[in-house]
Amino acid sequence: SMAKTPASSKKAAKASKKAATAGAKRPKRRTETYSSYIYKVLKQVHPQYGISKKGMSIMNSFINDVFERVCTEAANLCRQNKKATCSSREVQTAVRLVLPGELAKHAVSEG
């Protein structure tokens, strides 16, 4: 509703909205994280160890950062090669460029 309304009716609408949300709590917006996957991998590697909330938050930020870097690099490769679609080839090359040495080799061999 982008139509212009007088200030008085806007205030009335806001007041009714407040009244509706005052009684019942609005359902929390779901935020997607990698926490369940991080936990599963941690248990595969070190079954005896756990991870704190702050540690999990750091790991989640790390994965988001690496994902962002690989995506940016893959997009640049597609642009340079005048391609409209990013294939697995561009993503693999992006991984080779973004990740250092041995880590890139392992990532590529894993697929």
Foldseek 3Di string as FASTA:
>chain_A
DPDDDDPVVVVVVVVVVCVVCVPPPDDDDDDDFCLVVVQVVCCVVPVVDDADPVRSVVVRVVVVVLVVQLVVQLVVVCVVVVHPDRDVVSSLVSLVVRDDDPVSVVVNVVD
